[in-house]
Amino acid sequence: MEKKGWQQSWVRILLTLLTAGSMIMIFCFSMQDANDSDRTSGIVTRAVIRVLYQDYADKPLNEQQQIYNEIQHIIRKCAHFSEYLLLGFLLRLCLESWFGDRVRGAWTLMMITWLAGAGYACTDELHQLLIDGRSGQWTDVLIDFCGVVTGSVPAELITRRIPEKKHRRNRDAGHPNHTAEESHGIFSEK
């Protein structure tokens, strides 16, 4: 039997590779020691400061340092959220490609996505405890989890929307499997 839609082999392979790539990217960022991590987030921090504070160079040094630290803190938290938003999105789609035709109910795959994302966030923070100058923060796990949940929602909508569009196209084209009950919006479970 030929797989269709999300269960096609190329879709599974692509989504698995993208999800693994996302996890590797997060792991690599966590591998950076404190200096490398500061340098990475510092690039974005300086760019944001140039936009928000045109008079930054004219401010006293202690005020400059305070502004820099505050902006960098926000940038780091946004980076955590964004990384895990991408992971949640890809993980939900990947699970759909492997198990969507076998698991009844979207909430099952959503819960698995959330649990897997939270588990990865915990291991990521534990991993950072082993890196020079880095620390593991439970608040980062919460931010990461929020990213996973936020990323999984549009993925869920996409997985629901695509079959609906296909069904609507078949109905509008007079598909032979289209019944009179379906045209009235009454779907019976078999």
N, C-alpha and C. Protein backbone atom coordinates (compact mmCIF):
# COMPACT_ATOMS: atom_id res chain seq x y z
N MET A 1 0.84 -1.18 0.00
CA MET A 1 0.00 0.00 0.00
C MET A 1 0.88 1.25 0.00
N GLU A 2 0.63 2.13 -0.92
CA GLU A 2 1.42 3.35 -1.04
C GLU A 2 0.98 4.37 -0.01
N LYS A 3 1.99 4.95 0.68
CA LYS A 3 1.70 5.97 1.69
C LYS A 3 1.42 7.29 0.99
N LYS A 4 0.50 8.08 1.57
CA LYS A 4 0.13 9.36 0.96
C LYS A 4 0.28 10.47 1.99
N GLY A 5 0.33 11.68 1.51
CA GLY A 5 0.36 12.85 2.38
C GLY A 5 1.58 12.88 3.30
N TRP A 6 1.30 13.04 4.58
CA TRP A 6 2.38 13.17 5.57
C TRP A 6 3.21 11.91 5.71
N GLN A 7 2.67 10.75 5.33
CA GLN A 7 3.36 9.49 5.54
C GLN A 7 4.25 9.06 4.37
N GLN A 8 4.41 9.90 3.38
CA GLN A 8 5.30 9.57 2.27
C GLN A 8 6.74 9.48 2.80
N SER A 9 7.50 8.58 2.23
CA SER A 9 8.88 8.35 2.71
C SER A 9 9.72 9.62 2.66
N TRP A 10 9.65 10.38 1.58
CA TRP A 10 10.49 11.57 1.47
C TRP A 10 10.10 12.62 2.50
N VAL A 11 8.82 12.69 2.85
CA VAL A 11 8.36 13.65 3.87
C VAL A 11 8.91 13.22 5.23
N ARG A 12 8.81 11.93 5.52
CA ARG A 12 9.34 11.41 6.79
C ARG A 12 10.83 11.69 6.92
N ILE A 13 11.57 11.38 5.86
CA ILE A 13 13.03 11.57 5.90
C ILE A 13 13.36 13.04 6.07
N LEU A 14 12.72 13.90 5.29
CA LEU A 14 12.99 15.33 5.38
C LEU A 14 12.69 15.88 6.77
N LEU A 15 11.52 15.55 7.31
CA LEU A 15 11.14 16.07 8.62
C LEU A 15 12.02 15.50 9.73
N THR A 16 12.41 14.24 9.61
CA THR A 16 13.32 13.65 10.59
C THR A 16 14.67 14.35 10.57
N LEU A 17 15.20 14.60 9.37
CA LEU A 17 16.49 15.30 9.26
C LEU A 17 16.42 16.73 9.79
N LEU A 18 15.33 17.42 9.46
CA LEU A 18 15.18 18.80 9.95
C LEU A 18 15.04 18.84 11.48
N THR A 19 14.29 17.89 12.03
CA THR A 19 14.12 17.84 13.49
C THR A 19 15.45 17.51 14.16
N ALA A 20 16.16 16.53 13.64
CA ALA A 20 17.48 16.19 14.18
C ALA A 20 18.44 17.37 14.04
N GLY A 21 18.37 18.08 12.92
CA GLY A 21 19.22 19.26 12.72
C GLY A 21 18.93 20.35 13.74
N SER A 22 17.67 20.53 14.05
CA SER A 22 17.27 21.50 15.07
C SER A 22 17.84 21.12 16.44
N MET A 23 17.76 19.84 16.76
CA MET A 23 18.28 19.36 18.04
C MET A 23 19.81 19.50 18.10
N ILE A 24 20.47 19.23 16.99
CA ILE A 24 21.93 19.38 16.94
C ILE A 24 22.32 20.84 17.09
N MET A 25 21.56 21.74 16.44
CA MET A 25 21.84 23.17 16.57
C MET A 25 21.74 23.60 18.04
N ILE A 26 20.70 23.17 18.73
CA ILE A 26 20.53 23.51 20.15
C ILE A 26 21.70 22.95 20.96
N PHE A 27 22.08 21.71 20.68
CA PHE A 27 23.19 21.08 21.38
C PHE A 27 24.49 21.86 21.16
N CYS A 28 24.72 22.28 19.91
CA CYS A 28 25.95 23.03 19.60
C CYS A 28 25.99 24.38 20.32
N PHE A 29 24.86 25.08 20.38
CA PHE A 29 24.82 26.33 21.14
C PHE A 29 25.11 26.08 22.61
N SER A 30 24.63 24.96 23.13
CA SER A 30 24.87 24.63 24.54
C SER A 30 26.31 24.21 24.79
N MET A 31 27.00 23.76 23.76
CA MET A 31 28.40 23.35 23.89
C MET A 31 29.34 24.55 24.02
N GLN A 32 28.90 25.74 23.65
CA GLN A 32 29.76 26.92 23.73
C GLN A 32 30.07 27.24 25.18
N ASP A 33 31.34 27.54 25.44
CA ASP A 33 31.66 27.98 26.80
C ASP A 33 31.14 29.40 26.99
N ALA A 34 31.28 29.93 28.19
CA ALA A 34 30.70 31.24 28.52
C ALA A 34 31.19 32.34 27.58
N ASN A 35 32.48 32.34 27.26
CA ASN A 35 33.03 33.40 26.40
C ASN A 35 32.45 33.33 24.98
N ASP A 36 32.41 32.12 24.42
CA ASP A 36 31.85 31.97 23.07
C ASP A 36 30.36 32.31 23.04
N SER A 37 29.66 31.89 24.07
CA SER A 37 28.23 32.18 24.15
C SER A 37 27.99 33.69 24.25
N ASP A 38 28.80 34.37 25.08
CA ASP A 38 28.68 35.83 25.20
C ASP A 38 29.00 36.51 23.87
N ARG A 39 30.00 36.00 23.18
CA ARG A 39 30.38 36.58 21.88
C ARG A 39 29.24 36.42 20.88
N THR A 40 28.62 35.24 20.85
CA THR A 40 27.52 34.99 19.91
C THR A 40 26.33 35.90 20.18
N SER A 41 25.89 35.94 21.44
CA SER A 41 24.74 36.80 21.76
C SER A 41 25.13 38.27 21.72
N GLY A 42 26.41 38.56 21.92
CA GLY A 42 26.88 39.95 21.88
C GLY A 42 26.72 40.60 20.52
N ILE A 43 26.87 39.82 19.46
CA ILE A 43 26.70 40.35 18.10
C ILE A 43 25.29 40.91 17.94
N VAL A 44 24.30 40.14 18.34
CA VAL A 44 22.90 40.56 18.22
C VAL A 44 22.62 41.70 19.20
N THR A 45 23.18 41.61 20.40
CA THR A 45 22.97 42.64 21.42
C THR A 45 23.44 44.00 20.92
N ARG A 46 24.64 44.04 20.37
CA ARG A 46 25.18 45.32 19.85
C ARG A 46 24.33 45.86 18.71
N ALA A 47 23.82 44.98 17.86
CA ALA A 47 22.95 45.43 16.76
C ALA A 47 21.67 46.04 17.30
N VAL A 48 21.07 45.41 18.32
CA VAL A 48 19.83 45.93 18.91
C VAL A 48 20.10 47.27 19.60
N ILE A 49 21.22 47.37 20.30
CA ILE A 49 21.56 48.63 20.98
C ILE A 49 21.72 49.76 19.98
N ARG A 50 22.36 49.47 18.84
CA ARG A 50 22.53 50.52 17.81
C ARG A 50 21.19 51.05 17.33
N VAL A 51 20.19 50.18 17.26
CA VAL A 51 18.87 50.59 16.80
C VAL A 51 18.11 51.34 17.90
N LEU A 52 18.15 50.82 19.12
CA LEU A 52 17.34 51.38 20.20
C LEU A 52 17.97 52.58 20.91
N TYR A 53 19.29 52.63 20.94
CA TYR A 53 19.99 53.68 21.70
C TYR A 53 21.04 54.36 20.82
N GLN A 54 20.60 55.36 20.06
CA GLN A 54 21.55 56.07 19.20
C GLN A 54 22.60 56.82 20.02
N ASP A 55 22.26 57.21 21.24
CA ASP A 55 23.19 57.95 22.10
C ASP A 55 23.94 57.04 23.07
N TYR A 56 24.02 55.77 22.76
CA TYR A 56 24.65 54.79 23.64
C TYR A 56 26.09 55.16 23.98
N ALA A 57 26.87 55.57 22.99
CA ALA A 57 28.29 55.91 23.20
C ALA A 57 28.45 57.13 24.10
N ASP A 58 27.45 58.00 24.18
CA ASP A 58 27.53 59.20 24.99
C ASP A 58 27.17 58.95 26.46
N LYS A 59 26.63 57.79 26.76
CA LYS A 59 26.21 57.48 28.13
C LYS A 59 27.42 57.09 28.97
N PRO A 60 27.33 57.27 30.30
CA PRO A 60 28.42 56.85 31.18
C PRO A 60 28.64 55.33 31.07
N LEU A 61 29.86 54.88 31.33
CA LEU A 61 30.21 53.47 31.17
C LEU A 61 29.34 52.53 31.99
N ASN A 62 29.03 52.90 33.23
CA ASN A 62 28.20 52.01 34.05
C ASN A 62 26.79 51.88 33.47
N GLU A 63 26.27 52.97 32.88
CA GLU A 63 24.95 52.92 32.25
C GLU A 63 25.00 52.09 30.97
N GLN A 64 26.09 52.24 30.21
CA GLN A 64 26.28 51.41 29.01
C GLN A 64 26.29 49.93 29.36
N GLN A 65 27.02 49.59 30.44
CA GLN A 65 27.11 48.19 30.85
C GLN A 65 25.75 47.66 31.29
N GLN A 66 25.00 48.49 32.00
CA GLN A 66 23.67 48.07 32.46
C GLN A 66 22.73 47.83 31.26
N ILE A 67 22.76 48.74 30.30
CA ILE A 67 21.94 48.59 29.09
C ILE A 67 22.35 47.32 28.34
N TYR A 68 23.66 47.14 28.19
CA TYR A 68 24.17 45.97 27.47
C TYR A 68 23.71 44.68 28.15
N ASN A 69 23.85 44.60 29.47
CA ASN A 69 23.48 43.39 30.21
C ASN A 69 21.98 43.10 30.10
N GLU A 70 21.16 44.14 30.20
CA GLU A 70 19.71 43.95 30.10
C GLU A 70 19.29 43.46 28.72
N ILE A 71 19.84 44.10 27.69
CA ILE A 71 19.51 43.70 26.31
C ILE A 71 20.01 42.29 26.03
N GLN A 72 21.23 41.99 26.48
CA GLN A 72 21.77 40.65 26.24
C GLN A 72 20.93 39.57 26.93
N HIS A 73 20.45 39.86 28.13
CA HIS A 73 19.60 38.91 28.84
C HIS A 73 18.32 38.63 28.04
N ILE A 74 17.71 39.67 27.52
CA ILE A 74 16.49 39.52 26.71
C ILE A 74 16.80 38.73 25.43
N ILE A 75 17.93 39.05 24.79
CA ILE A 75 18.33 38.35 23.56
C ILE A 75 18.51 36.86 23.83
N ARG A 76 19.17 36.53 24.94
CA ARG A 76 19.40 35.12 25.28
C ARG A 76 18.08 34.38 25.51
N LYS A 77 17.16 35.01 26.22
CA LYS A 77 15.88 34.35 26.49
C LYS A 77 15.07 34.19 25.20
N CYS A 78 15.12 35.20 24.34
CA CYS A 78 14.44 35.10 23.03
C CYS A 78 15.07 34.00 22.18
N ALA A 79 16.38 33.83 22.27
CA ALA A 79 17.06 32.77 21.53
C ALA A 79 16.59 31.40 22.01
N HIS A 80 16.50 31.24 23.33
CA HIS A 80 15.99 29.98 23.89
C HIS A 80 14.59 29.70 23.34
N PHE A 81 13.72 30.67 23.44
CA PHE A 81 12.34 30.52 22.99
C PHE A 81 12.30 30.16 21.51
N SER A 82 13.06 30.87 20.69
CA SER A 82 13.05 30.66 19.24
C SER A 82 13.56 29.29 18.84
N GLU A 83 14.65 28.85 19.47
CA GLU A 83 15.20 27.52 19.16
C GLU A 83 14.16 26.43 19.43
N TYR A 84 13.49 26.55 20.55
CA TYR A 84 12.53 25.53 20.93
C TYR A 84 11.20 25.70 20.21
N LEU A 85 10.87 26.89 19.76
CA LEU A 85 9.71 27.09 18.90
C LEU A 85 9.91 26.30 17.61
N LEU A 86 11.10 26.42 17.02
CA LEU A 86 11.42 25.67 15.81
C LEU A 86 11.38 24.17 16.09
N LEU A 87 11.95 23.75 17.21
CA LEU A 87 11.95 22.33 17.55
C LEU A 87 10.51 21.82 17.72
N GLY A 88 9.66 22.56 18.42
CA GLY A 88 8.27 22.14 18.62
C GLY A 88 7.53 22.01 17.30
N PHE A 89 7.75 22.96 16.41
CA PHE A 89 7.11 22.94 15.09
C PHE A 89 7.54 21.70 14.31
N LEU A 90 8.85 21.49 14.21
CA LEU A 90 9.37 20.37 13.43
C LEU A 90 9.04 19.02 14.07
N LEU A 91 9.14 18.96 15.38
CA LEU A 91 8.85 17.71 16.08
C LEU A 91 7.40 17.28 15.89
N ARG A 92 6.49 18.23 15.97
CA ARG A 92 5.07 17.89 15.77
C ARG A 92 4.82 17.38 14.36
N LEU A 93 5.42 18.04 13.35
CA LEU A 93 5.26 17.58 11.97
C LEU A 93 5.92 16.22 11.76
N CYS A 94 7.08 16.02 12.38
CA CYS A 94 7.78 14.75 12.26
C CYS A 94 6.95 13.62 12.86
N LEU A 95 6.38 13.85 14.03
CA LEU A 95 5.52 12.84 14.64
C LEU A 95 4.31 12.53 13.77
N GLU A 96 3.77 13.56 13.14
CA GLU A 96 2.64 13.35 12.23
C GLU A 96 3.04 12.44 11.07
N SER A 97 4.25 12.65 10.55
CA SER A 97 4.69 11.85 9.40
C SER A 97 4.90 10.39 9.77
N TRP A 98 5.32 10.12 11.00
CA TRP A 98 5.56 8.74 11.41
C TRP A 98 4.34 8.05 12.02
N PHE A 99 3.55 8.80 12.78
CA PHE A 99 2.49 8.16 13.55
C PHE A 99 1.09 8.71 13.30
N GLY A 100 0.96 9.72 12.47
CA GLY A 100 -0.33 10.37 12.26
C GLY A 100 -1.41 9.45 11.73
N ASP A 101 -1.01 8.46 10.94
CA ASP A 101 -2.00 7.53 10.40
C ASP A 101 -2.34 6.40 11.37
N ARG A 102 -1.60 6.30 12.50
CA ARG A 102 -1.82 5.21 13.46
C ARG A 102 -2.37 5.68 14.80
N VAL A 103 -2.24 6.97 15.08
CA VAL A 103 -2.66 7.50 16.38
C VAL A 103 -3.97 8.25 16.19
N ARG A 104 -4.95 7.88 16.97
CA ARG A 104 -6.24 8.58 16.92
C ARG A 104 -6.21 9.75 17.88
N GLY A 105 -6.64 10.87 17.42
CA GLY A 105 -6.71 12.05 18.28
C GLY A 105 -5.44 12.87 18.21
N ALA A 106 -5.61 14.11 17.86
CA ALA A 106 -4.47 15.01 17.72
C ALA A 106 -3.80 15.29 19.06
N TRP A 107 -4.54 15.23 20.15
CA TRP A 107 -3.95 15.56 21.45
C TRP A 107 -2.85 14.59 21.85
N THR A 108 -2.93 13.37 21.39
CA THR A 108 -1.89 12.39 21.71
C THR A 108 -0.55 12.85 21.15
N LEU A 109 -0.54 13.22 19.88
CA LEU A 109 0.71 13.67 19.26
C LEU A 109 1.17 15.00 19.84
N MET A 110 0.22 15.86 20.20
CA MET A 110 0.61 17.13 20.83
C MET A 110 1.27 16.88 22.18
N MET A 111 0.69 15.99 22.97
CA MET A 111 1.26 15.69 24.29
C MET A 111 2.65 15.07 24.17
N ILE A 112 2.82 14.18 23.19
CA ILE A 112 4.13 13.58 22.97
C ILE A 112 5.13 14.66 22.56
N THR A 113 4.72 15.58 21.70
CA THR A 113 5.58 16.69 21.29
C THR A 113 6.00 17.50 22.50
N TRP A 114 5.03 17.85 23.35
CA TRP A 114 5.32 18.68 24.53
C TRP A 114 6.24 17.95 25.50
N LEU A 115 5.97 16.67 25.74
CA LEU A 115 6.81 15.91 26.66
C LEU A 115 8.23 15.73 26.13
N ALA A 116 8.34 15.42 24.84
CA ALA A 116 9.67 15.27 24.24
C ALA A 116 10.43 16.59 24.25
N GLY A 117 9.75 17.68 23.94
CA GLY A 117 10.39 19.00 23.97
C GLY A 117 10.84 19.38 25.37
N ALA A 118 10.00 19.13 26.37
CA ALA A 118 10.36 19.43 27.76
C ALA A 118 11.52 18.55 28.21
N GLY A 119 11.49 17.29 27.82
CA GLY A 119 12.59 16.39 28.15
C GLY A 119 13.90 16.85 27.54
N TYR A 120 13.85 17.28 26.28
CA TYR A 120 15.07 17.76 25.62
C TYR A 120 15.56 19.05 26.29
N ALA A 121 14.63 19.92 26.68
CA ALA A 121 15.01 21.16 27.37
C ALA A 121 15.71 20.85 28.70
N CYS A 122 15.21 19.87 29.43
CA CYS A 122 15.84 19.48 30.71
C CYS A 122 17.24 18.94 30.48
N THR A 123 17.39 18.05 29.49
CA THR A 123 18.72 17.50 29.22
C THR A 123 19.67 18.59 28.71
N ASP A 124 19.14 19.55 27.98
CA ASP A 124 19.96 20.66 27.49
C ASP A 124 20.50 21.50 28.65
N GLU A 125 19.66 21.79 29.62
CA GLU A 125 20.11 22.57 30.78
C GLU A 125 21.09 21.76 31.64
N LEU A 126 20.85 20.47 31.79
CA LEU A 126 21.81 19.62 32.50
C LEU A 126 23.14 19.58 31.78
N HIS A 127 23.09 19.51 30.46
CA HIS A 127 24.29 19.53 29.64
C HIS A 127 25.10 20.80 29.87
N GLN A 128 24.41 21.94 29.99
CA GLN A 128 25.11 23.21 30.19
C GLN A 128 25.85 23.26 31.52
N LEU A 129 25.42 22.48 32.50
CA LEU A 129 26.13 22.44 33.78
C LEU A 129 27.55 21.90 33.63
N LEU A 130 27.79 21.15 32.57
CA LEU A 130 29.10 20.55 32.34
C LEU A 130 30.04 21.45 31.55
N ILE A 131 29.55 22.60 31.10
CA ILE A 131 30.33 23.50 30.24
C ILE A 131 30.89 24.64 31.08
N ASP A 132 32.18 24.99 30.85
CA ASP A 132 32.84 26.07 31.60
C ASP A 132 32.07 27.38 31.55
N GLY A 133 31.76 27.91 32.72
CA GLY A 133 31.12 29.21 32.83
C GLY A 133 29.63 29.22 32.53
N ARG A 134 29.05 28.07 32.21
CA ARG A 134 27.62 28.00 31.90
C ARG A 134 26.88 27.46 33.11
N SER A 135 25.58 27.69 33.12
CA SER A 135 24.75 27.19 34.22
C SER A 135 23.45 26.65 33.64
N GLY A 136 22.82 25.78 34.40
CA GLY A 136 21.50 25.28 34.03
C GLY A 136 20.45 26.05 34.80
N GLN A 137 19.44 26.52 34.12
CA GLN A 137 18.41 27.35 34.75
C GLN A 137 17.04 26.70 34.55
N TRP A 138 16.29 26.54 35.61
CA TRP A 138 14.94 25.98 35.47
C TRP A 138 14.05 26.95 34.72
N THR A 139 14.34 28.27 34.83
CA THR A 139 13.54 29.25 34.08
C THR A 139 13.75 29.08 32.57
N ASP A 140 14.96 28.67 32.18
CA ASP A 140 15.20 28.41 30.75
C ASP A 140 14.40 27.20 30.28
N VAL A 141 14.25 26.19 31.13
CA VAL A 141 13.43 25.03 30.78
C VAL A 141 11.98 25.48 30.53
N LEU A 142 11.49 26.37 31.39
CA LEU A 142 10.12 26.88 31.20
C LEU A 142 10.00 27.67 29.90
N ILE A 143 10.98 28.51 29.62
CA ILE A 143 10.98 29.29 28.37
C ILE A 143 11.04 28.35 27.18
N ASP A 144 11.91 27.34 27.27
CA ASP A 144 12.03 26.36 26.18
C ASP A 144 10.71 25.63 25.97
N PHE A 145 10.07 25.22 27.06
CA PHE A 145 8.80 24.51 26.97
C PHE A 145 7.73 25.40 26.31
N CYS A 146 7.70 26.66 26.69
CA CYS A 146 6.75 27.60 26.06
C CYS A 146 7.02 27.70 24.56
N GLY A 147 8.29 27.67 24.17
CA GLY A 147 8.64 27.68 22.76
C GLY A 147 8.13 26.45 22.04
N VAL A 148 8.30 25.28 22.67
CA VAL A 148 7.81 24.02 22.07
C VAL A 148 6.29 24.07 21.88
N VAL A 149 5.59 24.50 22.92
CA VAL A 149 4.12 24.57 22.84
C VAL A 149 3.71 25.54 21.73
N THR A 150 4.34 26.71 21.69
CA THR A 150 4.00 27.71 20.68
C THR A 150 4.30 27.21 19.28
N GLY A 151 5.41 26.52 19.09
CA GLY A 151 5.76 25.99 17.77
C GLY A 151 4.87 24.85 17.33
N SER A 152 4.38 24.07 18.29
CA SER A 152 3.56 22.91 17.93
C SER A 152 2.15 23.31 17.48
N VAL A 153 1.67 24.44 17.92
CA VAL A 153 0.30 24.86 17.57
C VAL A 153 0.15 25.09 16.07
N PRO A 154 1.00 25.92 15.42
CA PRO A 154 0.82 26.06 13.97
C PRO A 154 1.06 24.75 13.22
N ALA A 155 1.96 23.90 13.73
CA ALA A 155 2.17 22.61 13.09
C ALA A 155 0.90 21.77 13.16
N GLU A 156 0.23 21.81 14.30
CA GLU A 156 -1.03 21.08 14.46
C GLU A 156 -2.07 21.61 13.47
N LEU A 157 -2.14 22.92 13.36
CA LEU A 157 -3.11 23.52 12.42
C LEU A 157 -2.81 23.11 10.98
N ILE A 158 -1.53 23.05 10.64
CA ILE A 158 -1.14 22.64 9.29
C ILE A 158 -1.54 21.20 9.03
N THR A 159 -1.29 20.32 10.01
CA THR A 159 -1.62 18.90 9.80
C THR A 159 -3.13 18.69 9.69
N ARG A 160 -3.90 19.53 10.33
CA ARG A 160 -5.36 19.43 10.20
C ARG A 160 -5.84 20.07 8.92
N ARG A 161 -5.24 21.17 8.52
CA ARG A 161 -5.69 21.96 7.39
C ARG A 161 -5.48 21.25 6.06
N ILE A 162 -4.35 20.61 5.90
CA ILE A 162 -4.05 19.98 4.61
C ILE A 162 -5.05 18.88 4.28
N PRO A 163 -5.38 17.95 5.21
CA PRO A 163 -6.41 16.96 4.87
C PRO A 163 -7.77 17.60 4.58
N GLU A 164 -8.11 18.68 5.29
CA GLU A 164 -9.39 19.35 5.04
C GLU A 164 -9.44 19.92 3.63
N LYS A 165 -8.33 20.52 3.18
CA LYS A 165 -8.29 21.07 1.84
C LYS A 165 -8.47 19.98 0.80
N LYS A 166 -7.80 18.83 1.01
CA LYS A 166 -7.90 17.73 0.08
C LYS A 166 -9.35 17.22 0.04
N HIS A 167 -9.96 17.09 1.22
CA HIS A 167 -11.35 16.63 1.29
C HIS A 167 -12.27 17.61 0.56
N ARG A 168 -12.06 18.89 0.78
CA ARG A 168 -12.89 19.91 0.15
C ARG A 168 -12.73 19.88 -1.37
N ARG A 169 -11.48 19.69 -1.85
CA ARG A 169 -11.24 19.61 -3.28
C ARG A 169 -11.95 18.41 -3.88
N ASN A 170 -11.87 17.26 -3.19
CA ASN A 170 -12.56 16.06 -3.68
C ASN A 170 -14.06 16.27 -3.72
N ARG A 171 -14.60 16.89 -2.69
CA ARG A 171 -16.03 17.15 -2.63
C ARG A 171 -16.45 18.08 -3.76
N ASP A 172 -15.69 19.17 -3.95
CA ASP A 172 -16.04 20.15 -4.98
C ASP A 172 -15.88 19.58 -6.39
N ALA A 173 -14.98 18.61 -6.55
CA ALA A 173 -14.75 18.03 -7.87
C ALA A 173 -15.70 16.87 -8.14
N GLY A 174 -16.60 16.56 -7.19
CA GLY A 174 -17.53 15.46 -7.38
C GLY A 174 -16.85 14.12 -7.28
N HIS A 175 -15.90 14.00 -6.34
CA HIS A 175 -15.16 12.76 -6.13
C HIS A 175 -16.14 11.61 -5.92
N PRO A 176 -15.87 10.44 -6.50
CA PRO A 176 -16.82 9.33 -6.40
C PRO A 176 -17.05 8.84 -4.97
N ASN A 177 -16.14 9.09 -4.03
CA ASN A 177 -16.33 8.67 -2.65
C ASN A 177 -17.13 9.69 -1.84
N HIS A 178 -17.56 10.73 -2.47
CA HIS A 178 -18.31 11.81 -1.82
C HIS A 178 -19.76 11.38 -1.68
N THR A 179 -20.27 11.43 -0.45
CA THR A 179 -21.65 11.00 -0.22
C THR A 179 -22.55 12.20 0.02
N ALA A 180 -23.83 11.98 -0.06
CA ALA A 180 -24.80 13.04 0.18
C ALA A 180 -24.72 13.54 1.62
N GLU A 181 -24.40 12.63 2.56
CA GLU A 181 -24.28 13.05 3.96
C GLU A 181 -23.15 14.05 4.15
N GLU A 182 -22.02 13.83 3.42
CA GLU A 182 -20.88 14.73 3.55
C GLU A 182 -21.20 16.12 3.05
N SER A 183 -22.04 16.22 2.05
CA SER A 183 -22.36 17.54 1.51
C SER A 183 -23.16 18.37 2.52
N HIS A 184 -23.79 17.70 3.48
CA HIS A 184 -24.52 18.40 4.53
C HIS A 184 -23.68 18.57 5.77
N GLY A 185 -22.40 18.20 5.72
CA GLY A 185 -21.51 18.38 6.86
C GLY A 185 -21.68 17.31 7.94
N ILE A 186 -22.32 16.19 7.61
CA ILE A 186 -22.51 15.13 8.58
C ILE A 186 -21.52 14.02 8.28
N PHE A 187 -20.53 13.84 9.15
CA PHE A 187 -19.54 12.82 8.95
C PHE A 187 -19.76 11.71 9.97
N SER A 188 -19.94 10.52 9.47
CA SER A 188 -20.14 9.41 10.40
C SER A 188 -18.84 8.64 10.56
N GLU A 189 -18.54 8.27 11.80
CA GLU A 189 -17.36 7.46 12.11
C GLU A 189 -17.65 6.02 11.72
N LYS A 190 -16.68 5.37 11.15
CA LYS A 190 -16.85 3.96 10.77
C LYS A 190 -16.05 3.10 11.70
